[in-house]
């Protein structure tokens, strides 16, 4: 069912002030924007020839728009931009006026920075007791490392994920070449804000949401915490497989492409052995029990690898799908663009930006049946909403706006 572009959304009527930069906290704001929130992106004005705005605007591949990379267009979507120097006293006062009209603030300054500018949560909550503030930082608002800067790569390492990535005996590698920890933290941030808003419906009061980049990574480590606490076991790099299941990893096919196969139990291996046309492999005398497979991991993985290399990837996938074996192609981005499932699910969305033309971006997740999210616009041009926000929302006159521009406040 295709709903009209005017369909109601869950966050309609919620106003978010996004004063953060780069990915994590802004990602939380983007998610809320996709589901109806009015997200005002507050960015540093240009000054003395120095480019203003979120540095994410200039990160990655350039687009046809001068101030907007492709990364900016996709990750800053469903926002409108204003410029405001929060460090200037006049800018701080304007921000307070905006806070009075807002529901949420998302920020990622180092702990204590906003308080230093007279904009700590205690001050803002006096203006608007219903305000929810999401604070994202490398190490959180408390603890001995709270003042250290942090990025996703640091979070992956400190949170325990990088140690697991790579081949046995080899160096730790980046777990994927994307800023995974930032995106994970953005999702946790959105969840935290939504829970705070839900509680506000009962109490009438806002609160802070304190989230460290490394914590979202740390939360995704399977059984590592209880296993170490109970047994002292330190899991290391396991390469293309895993120590807890077999065969459970990546296998090369005859055409040089790869698949992921996941046999987490005996039933799945029985299905795989039949797909391989070697059903005896799943007998109790051979590898039908997980203990046997784990004890002879190299042999079992070798048998599966010999089979996958005997045909091309499409043939391997087809055989496993027919036998209900969990399998997935190890897709590169060009293969994702050609995959019919991505197309059918609407995972690739073409947005016609008035300044750049058509841009393909990831679709909205999650899917809501009755009030789904949508992409209204790509990342905004710098200060594209200065007039609307300062004039319409705050009631500033044209002369007042011009004077603020002359002073470099906006």
Protein backbone atom coordinates (compact mmCIF):
# COMPACT_ATOMS: atom_id res chain seq x y z
CA UNK A 1 0.00 0.00 0.00
CA UNK A 2 1.40 3.37 -1.04
CA UNK A 3 0.34 6.19 1.24
CA UNK A 4 0.24 9.86 0.18
CA UNK A 5 3.12 12.19 0.98
CA UNK A 6 0.83 13.97 3.45
CA UNK A 7 0.10 10.92 5.57
CA UNK A 8 0.39 11.51 9.34
CA UNK A 9 3.59 10.43 11.02
CA UNK A 10 4.34 9.47 14.65
CA UNK A 11 6.60 12.46 15.34
CA UNK A 12 4.37 15.13 13.82
CA UNK A 13 4.33 18.18 16.10
CA UNK A 14 7.71 17.43 17.71
CA UNK A 15 10.44 20.02 17.18
CA UNK A 16 14.11 18.97 17.37
CA UNK A 17 17.07 21.35 17.57
CA UNK A 18 20.09 19.51 16.17
CA UNK A 19 23.27 21.31 17.25
CA UNK A 20 25.51 18.26 16.80
CA UNK A 21 28.02 17.51 14.05
CA UNK A 22 29.05 14.51 11.96
CA UNK A 23 26.95 11.35 12.34
CA UNK A 24 25.80 9.90 15.66
CA UNK A 25 23.58 12.51 17.31
CA UNK A 26 22.57 14.01 13.93
CA UNK A 27 21.56 10.51 12.83
CA UNK A 28 19.15 10.32 15.75
CA UNK A 29 17.65 13.63 14.63
CA UNK A 30 17.39 12.41 11.03
CA UNK A 31 15.45 9.33 12.13
CA UNK A 32 13.02 11.53 14.02
CA UNK A 33 12.74 13.78 10.97
CA UNK A 34 11.86 10.86 8.73
CA UNK A 35 8.95 10.14 11.01
CA UNK A 36 7.58 13.67 11.08
CA UNK A 37 9.63 15.77 13.51
CA UNK A 38 10.50 19.33 12.51
CA UNK A 39 14.30 19.13 12.72
CA UNK A 40 16.12 22.45 12.74
CA UNK A 41 19.81 21.91 12.06
CA UNK A 42 21.75 24.66 13.85
CA UNK A 43 25.17 25.24 12.29
CA UNK A 44 28.12 27.55 12.77
CA UNK A 45 28.02 30.61 10.46
CA UNK A 46 30.77 31.19 7.93
CA UNK A 47 33.40 33.60 9.22
CA UNK A 48 36.45 35.38 7.77
CA UNK A 49 36.40 33.25 4.64
CA UNK A 50 36.16 30.02 6.62
CA UNK A 51 33.38 27.70 5.51
CA UNK A 52 30.62 27.38 8.07
CA UNK A 53 28.26 24.55 8.82
CA UNK A 54 28.66 21.01 10.01
CA UNK A 55 32.02 19.61 8.79
CA UNK A 56 30.07 16.56 7.59
CA UNK A 57 28.98 18.77 4.68
CA UNK A 58 32.46 18.42 3.23
CA UNK A 59 33.12 14.78 4.13
CA UNK A 60 33.32 12.13 1.42
CA UNK A 61 32.31 12.36 -2.22
CA UNK A 62 31.42 15.82 -3.53
CA UNK A 63 27.96 16.40 -4.96
CA UNK A 64 26.83 18.96 -7.53
CA UNK A 65 25.99 21.31 -4.67
CA UNK A 66 28.96 23.35 -3.46
CA UNK A 67 28.39 23.02 0.28
CA UNK A 68 27.05 19.46 0.34
CA UNK A 69 28.80 16.13 -0.05
CA UNK A 70 26.80 13.05 -0.93
CA UNK A 71 27.28 11.97 2.69
CA UNK A 72 25.62 15.19 3.82
CA UNK A 73 22.73 14.87 1.37
CA UNK A 74 21.79 11.42 2.61
CA UNK A 75 22.49 11.70 6.34
CA UNK A 76 21.17 15.23 6.96
CA UNK A 77 17.89 14.60 5.20
CA UNK A 78 14.54 15.84 6.47
CA UNK A 79 16.13 18.84 8.17
CA UNK A 80 16.18 22.56 7.59
CA UNK A 81 19.29 24.57 8.31
CA UNK A 82 19.91 27.78 10.21
CA UNK A 83 23.19 29.37 11.22
CA UNK A 84 23.81 30.49 14.78
CA UNK A 85 26.99 31.11 16.76
CA UNK A 86 26.23 29.56 20.15
CA UNK A 87 29.50 30.91 21.55
CA UNK A 88 28.36 34.51 21.08
CA UNK A 89 26.20 35.92 23.90
CA UNK A 90 23.56 37.03 21.40
CA UNK A 91 23.61 33.59 19.83
CA UNK A 92 23.16 31.90 23.19
CA UNK A 93 20.14 34.09 23.91
CA UNK A 94 18.58 33.26 20.55
CA UNK A 95 19.18 29.57 21.19
CA UNK A 96 17.36 29.87 24.50
CA UNK A 97 14.39 31.35 22.67
CA UNK A 98 14.44 28.42 20.26
CA UNK A 99 14.63 25.98 23.18
CA UNK A 100 11.43 27.47 24.56
CA UNK A 101 9.71 26.33 21.36
CA UNK A 102 11.37 22.92 21.13
CA UNK A 103 10.91 19.39 22.44
CA UNK A 104 14.35 17.90 21.86
CA UNK A 105 17.98 19.03 21.58
CA UNK A 106 20.62 16.72 20.13
CA UNK A 107 24.26 17.62 20.84
CA UNK A 108 27.70 16.03 20.79
CA UNK A 109 30.05 18.61 22.27
CA UNK A 110 32.60 17.44 24.79
CA UNK A 111 31.07 17.17 28.26
CA UNK A 112 30.85 20.55 29.96
CA UNK A 113 31.07 22.62 26.76
CA UNK A 114 27.44 23.74 26.71
CA UNK A 115 27.58 24.54 30.43
CA UNK A 116 30.63 26.69 29.76
CA UNK A 117 28.58 28.66 27.25
CA UNK A 118 25.74 29.05 29.75
CA UNK A 119 23.63 26.51 27.88
CA UNK A 120 23.79 23.47 30.13
CA UNK A 121 20.71 21.35 30.60
CA UNK A 122 19.98 22.88 33.99
CA UNK A 123 19.70 26.31 32.35
CA UNK A 124 17.67 25.07 29.39
CA UNK A 125 15.31 23.06 31.60
CA UNK A 126 14.43 26.22 33.53
CA UNK A 127 13.33 27.74 30.22
CA UNK A 128 11.56 24.58 29.07
CA UNK A 129 11.03 21.89 31.74
CA UNK A 130 9.67 19.54 29.07
CA UNK A 131 12.92 19.57 27.10
CA UNK A 132 14.66 16.27 26.30
CA UNK A 133 18.37 16.55 25.53
CA UNK A 134 20.37 13.82 23.83
CA UNK A 135 24.08 14.15 24.62
CA UNK A 136 26.42 11.93 22.61
CA UNK A 137 30.14 11.87 23.30
CA UNK A 138 33.03 9.49 22.89
CA UNK A 139 33.01 8.25 26.49
CA UNK A 140 29.83 9.67 28.03
CA UNK A 141 29.19 12.53 30.44
CA UNK A 142 30.85 10.85 33.45
CA UNK A 143 33.91 8.71 34.16
CA UNK A 144 37.66 9.28 34.01
CA UNK A 145 37.75 9.38 30.19
CA UNK A 146 34.82 11.74 29.69
CA UNK A 147 36.96 14.59 28.36
CA UNK A 148 38.65 12.51 25.66
CA UNK A 149 37.53 13.04 22.05
CA UNK A 150 36.00 10.09 20.28
CA UNK A 151 35.07 8.88 16.81
CA UNK A 152 33.53 5.65 15.54
CA UNK A 153 36.93 4.04 14.92
CA UNK A 154 37.89 4.73 18.53
CA UNK A 155 34.54 3.39 19.75
CA UNK A 156 35.00 0.18 17.78
CA UNK A 157 38.39 -0.33 19.40
CA UNK A 158 37.57 0.72 22.95
CA UNK A 159 34.19 -1.04 22.95
CA UNK A 160 35.73 -4.42 22.14
CA UNK A 161 34.64 -4.94 18.53
CA UNK A 162 37.89 -4.24 16.68
CA UNK A 163 39.69 -6.88 18.75
CA UNK A 164 37.36 -9.46 17.20
CA UNK A 165 37.76 -8.32 13.58
CA UNK A 166 40.39 -9.89 11.35
CA UNK A 167 42.01 -13.24 10.68
CA UNK A 168 43.36 -15.43 13.50
CA UNK A 169 46.89 -14.38 14.31
CA UNK A 170 46.58 -11.26 12.19
CA UNK A 171 46.18 -7.60 13.09
CA UNK A 172 42.83 -6.19 14.24
CA UNK A 173 41.01 -4.59 11.33
CA UNK A 174 38.25 -2.03 11.02
CA UNK A 175 34.90 -3.86 11.32
CA UNK A 176 33.67 -2.65 7.96
CA UNK A 177 34.75 0.58 6.32
CA UNK A 178 31.75 2.58 7.54
CA UNK A 179 31.28 4.51 10.76
CA UNK A 180 29.29 1.65 12.26
CA UNK A 181 29.52 2.87 15.85
CA UNK A 182 28.13 6.27 14.88
CA UNK A 183 25.10 4.77 13.18
CA UNK A 184 24.48 2.35 16.05
CA UNK A 185 24.71 5.21 18.52
CA UNK A 186 22.33 7.28 16.41
CA UNK A 187 19.75 4.51 16.66
CA UNK A 188 20.25 4.11 20.41
CA UNK A 189 19.99 7.88 20.70
CA UNK A 190 16.66 7.94 18.89
CA UNK A 191 15.40 5.12 21.13
CA UNK A 192 16.48 7.04 24.24
CA UNK A 193 14.75 10.22 23.10
CA UNK A 194 11.56 8.36 22.25
CA UNK A 195 11.50 6.73 25.68
CA UNK A 196 12.08 10.10 27.35
CA UNK A 197 9.24 11.63 25.34
CA UNK A 198 7.01 8.72 26.25
CA UNK A 199 7.78 9.25 29.95
CA UNK A 200 7.23 12.99 29.54
CA UNK A 201 3.65 12.23 28.53
CA UNK A 202 3.17 10.92 32.08
CA UNK A 203 5.29 13.30 34.17
CA UNK A 204 5.31 16.45 32.06
CA UNK A 205 9.08 16.69 32.53
CA UNK A 206 12.00 16.26 30.20
CA UNK A 207 15.37 14.72 30.99
CA UNK A 208 18.82 14.07 29.55
CA UNK A 209 19.85 11.04 27.51
CA UNK A 210 23.56 10.32 28.06
CA UNK A 211 25.12 8.06 25.42
CA UNK A 212 28.76 7.18 24.75
CA UNK A 213 29.83 6.04 21.30
CA UNK A 214 31.62 2.99 22.66
CA UNK A 215 28.57 1.86 24.65
CA UNK A 216 26.49 1.08 21.56
CA UNK A 217 29.37 -1.06 20.27
CA UNK A 218 29.90 -2.72 23.64
CA UNK A 219 26.21 -3.66 23.79
CA UNK A 220 26.58 -5.73 20.61
CA UNK A 221 29.17 -8.28 21.78
CA UNK A 222 26.98 -11.39 22.08
CA UNK A 223 28.01 -13.45 25.13
CA UNK A 224 31.47 -11.98 25.64
CA UNK A 225 30.67 -10.29 28.95
CA UNK A 226 29.01 -13.19 30.81
CA UNK A 227 31.36 -15.74 29.22
CA UNK A 228 34.46 -13.94 30.42
CA UNK A 229 32.99 -13.29 33.86
CA UNK A 230 32.07 -16.97 34.24
CA UNK A 231 35.02 -18.70 32.59
CA UNK A 232 37.77 -16.16 31.92
CA UNK A 233 37.59 -16.94 28.20
CA UNK A 234 38.86 -14.12 25.95
CA UNK A 235 37.49 -14.50 22.45
CA UNK A 236 39.94 -13.49 19.75
CA UNK A 237 39.81 -12.95 16.02
CA UNK A 238 38.02 -15.80 14.28
CA UNK A 239 38.31 -14.64 10.69
CA UNK A 240 35.60 -15.82 8.33
CA UNK A 241 34.06 -18.29 10.78
CA UNK A 242 32.96 -18.43 14.40
CA UNK A 243 33.96 -20.63 17.32
CA UNK A 244 30.40 -21.40 18.42
CA UNK A 245 28.94 -22.93 15.25
CA UNK A 246 30.09 -24.86 12.18
CA UNK A 247 29.82 -24.41 9.27
CA UNK A 248 29.09 -20.79 9.99
CA UNK A 249 31.06 -18.33 7.92
CA UNK A 250 32.04 -17.13 4.46
CA UNK A 251 32.76 -19.46 1.57
CA UNK A 252 34.21 -18.73 -1.84
CA UNK A 253 32.32 -19.90 -4.91
CA UNK A 254 33.61 -21.09 -8.25
CA UNK A 255 33.24 -17.67 -9.86
CA UNK A 256 35.35 -15.95 -7.20
CA UNK A 257 32.37 -14.46 -5.42
CA UNK A 258 31.46 -15.28 -1.82
CA UNK A 259 28.47 -16.38 0.24
CA UNK A 260 27.67 -16.39 3.94
CA UNK A 261 26.28 -19.67 5.28
CA UNK A 262 24.94 -20.00 8.83
CA UNK A 263 24.36 -23.48 10.30
CA UNK A 264 23.64 -22.74 13.93
CA UNK A 265 22.23 -26.19 14.78
CA UNK A 266 22.10 -29.80 13.66
CA UNK A 267 18.88 -29.31 11.72
CA UNK A 268 20.45 -26.63 9.56
CA UNK A 269 23.48 -28.82 8.84
CA UNK A 270 21.22 -31.70 7.84
CA UNK A 271 19.58 -29.41 5.30
CA UNK A 272 22.96 -28.23 4.04
CA UNK A 273 24.26 -31.79 3.63
CA UNK A 274 21.23 -32.59 1.48
CA UNK A 275 21.77 -29.43 -0.59
CA UNK A 276 25.35 -30.63 -1.10
CA UNK A 277 23.94 -34.04 -2.11
CA UNK A 278 26.01 -35.60 0.66
CA UNK A 279 23.32 -36.48 3.24
CA UNK A 280 25.59 -38.95 5.05
CA UNK A 281 27.62 -36.01 6.37
CA UNK A 282 24.76 -35.29 8.78
CA UNK A 283 24.69 -38.80 10.23
CA UNK A 284 25.47 -39.30 13.91
CA UNK A 285 28.58 -41.24 12.95
CA UNK A 286 29.98 -38.27 11.01
CA UNK A 287 29.10 -34.61 11.57
CA UNK A 288 25.43 -34.65 12.49
CA UNK A 289 26.10 -33.34 16.00
CA UNK A 290 27.43 -29.88 16.69
CA UNK A 291 30.17 -31.23 18.99
CA UNK A 292 31.52 -33.37 16.16
CA UNK A 293 31.50 -30.47 13.72
CA UNK A 294 33.27 -28.15 16.14
CA UNK A 295 35.89 -30.81 16.88
CA UNK A 296 36.54 -31.27 13.15
CA UNK A 297 35.94 -27.70 12.07
CA UNK A 298 38.68 -27.61 9.41
CA UNK A 299 37.41 -30.78 7.77
CA UNK A 300 33.76 -29.66 7.77
CA UNK A 301 34.56 -26.18 6.50
CA UNK A 302 36.77 -27.74 3.84
CA UNK A 303 33.97 -30.01 2.63
CA UNK A 304 31.59 -27.07 2.37
CA UNK A 305 34.24 -24.95 0.65
CA UNK A 306 34.91 -27.69 -1.90
CA UNK A 307 31.20 -27.77 -2.66
CA UNK A 308 30.74 -23.99 -3.00
CA UNK A 309 33.78 -23.80 -5.28
CA UNK A 310 32.24 -26.44 -7.55
CA UNK A 311 29.65 -24.00 -8.91
CA UNK A 312 29.05 -20.30 -9.31
CA UNK A 313 27.49 -18.21 -6.55
CA UNK A 314 24.02 -18.15 -8.07
CA UNK A 315 24.05 -21.95 -8.14
CA UNK A 316 25.16 -22.19 -4.51
CA UNK A 317 22.49 -19.73 -3.39
CA UNK A 318 19.79 -21.53 -5.38
CA UNK A 319 20.72 -24.92 -3.91
CA UNK A 320 20.70 -23.60 -0.36
CA UNK A 321 17.47 -21.68 -0.78
CA UNK A 322 15.78 -24.79 -2.18
CA UNK A 323 16.85 -26.71 0.95
CA UNK A 324 16.00 -23.84 3.33
CA UNK A 325 19.61 -23.34 4.37
CA UNK A 326 20.33 -19.82 5.68
CA UNK A 327 22.52 -18.21 3.01
CA UNK A 328 23.23 -14.75 1.69
CA UNK A 329 25.43 -13.37 -1.03
CA UNK A 330 28.36 -11.29 0.22
CA UNK A 331 27.19 -8.26 -1.70
CA UNK A 332 29.23 -5.34 -2.94
CA UNK A 333 27.30 -2.11 -3.43
CA UNK A 334 26.95 -2.62 -7.20
CA UNK A 335 25.33 -6.00 -6.53
CA UNK A 336 22.96 -4.41 -4.02
CA UNK A 337 21.78 -2.02 -6.72
CA UNK A 338 20.92 -4.98 -8.97
CA UNK A 339 19.31 -7.18 -6.34
CA UNK A 340 15.53 -7.51 -6.82
CA UNK A 341 14.85 -7.78 -3.08
CA UNK A 342 16.43 -4.39 -2.32
CA UNK A 343 14.27 -2.93 -5.08
CA UNK A 344 11.09 -4.64 -3.90
CA UNK A 345 11.61 -3.47 -0.33
CA UNK A 346 12.22 0.12 -1.34
CA UNK A 347 15.69 0.09 0.20
CA UNK A 348 16.99 2.32 -2.59
CA UNK A 349 15.14 5.61 -2.93
CA UNK A 350 15.72 8.21 -5.64
CA UNK A 351 15.12 11.74 -4.37
CA UNK A 352 14.99 14.60 -6.84
CA UNK A 353 16.88 17.42 -5.16
CA UNK A 354 16.18 20.85 -6.73
CA UNK A 355 19.86 21.81 -6.64
CA UNK A 356 21.59 18.54 -7.50
CA UNK A 357 19.04 16.52 -9.44
CA UNK A 358 18.25 12.86 -8.66
CA UNK A 359 20.21 11.31 -5.79
CA UNK A 360 19.88 7.67 -4.72
CA UNK A 361 19.89 7.16 -0.95
CA UNK A 362 19.00 4.38 1.51
CA UNK A 363 15.30 4.14 2.29
CA UNK A 364 13.60 4.70 5.64
CA UNK A 365 13.75 2.09 8.39
CA UNK A 366 11.84 0.76 10.25
CA UNK A 367 8.60 0.26 8.33
CA UNK A 368 5.35 1.33 9.99
CA UNK A 369 2.19 0.05 8.32
CA UNK A 370 -0.14 2.95 9.05
CA UNK A 371 2.11 5.97 9.71
CA UNK A 372 5.34 5.27 7.82
CA UNK A 373 8.27 7.61 7.58
CA UNK A 374 9.38 9.23 4.36
CA UNK A 375 12.15 11.35 2.87
CA UNK A 376 10.90 14.89 2.35
CA UNK A 377 14.22 16.45 1.38
CA UNK A 378 17.92 15.71 1.28
CA UNK A 379 20.48 17.47 3.46
CA UNK A 380 19.64 21.20 3.40
CA UNK A 381 21.71 24.01 1.96
CA UNK A 382 23.44 26.01 4.69
CA UNK A 383 21.08 28.53 6.31
CA UNK A 384 18.22 27.68 3.97
CA UNK A 385 15.72 28.23 6.81
CA UNK A 386 17.20 31.34 8.44
CA UNK A 387 14.34 33.49 7.23
CA UNK A 388 11.58 31.06 8.13
CA UNK A 389 12.90 30.27 11.60
CA UNK A 390 14.08 33.68 12.72
CA UNK A 391 11.21 35.59 11.20
CA UNK A 392 8.26 33.20 11.42
CA UNK A 393 9.14 31.26 14.57
CA UNK A 394 10.91 33.89 16.67
CA UNK A 395 9.33 37.00 15.14
CA UNK A 396 12.60 38.86 14.44
CA UNK A 397 12.35 41.78 12.06
CA UNK A 398 14.32 42.05 8.84
CA UNK A 399 16.52 44.73 10.47
CA UNK A 400 17.22 42.53 13.49
CA UNK A 401 18.16 39.63 11.24
CA UNK A 402 20.44 41.84 9.15
CA UNK A 403 22.24 43.17 12.25
CA UNK A 404 22.78 39.65 13.56
CA UNK A 405 24.26 38.68 10.19
CA UNK A 406 26.60 41.67 10.27
CA UNK A 407 27.84 40.64 13.73
CA UNK A 408 28.40 37.06 12.60
CA UNK A 409 25.86 35.74 15.09
CA UNK A 410 23.81 34.08 12.32
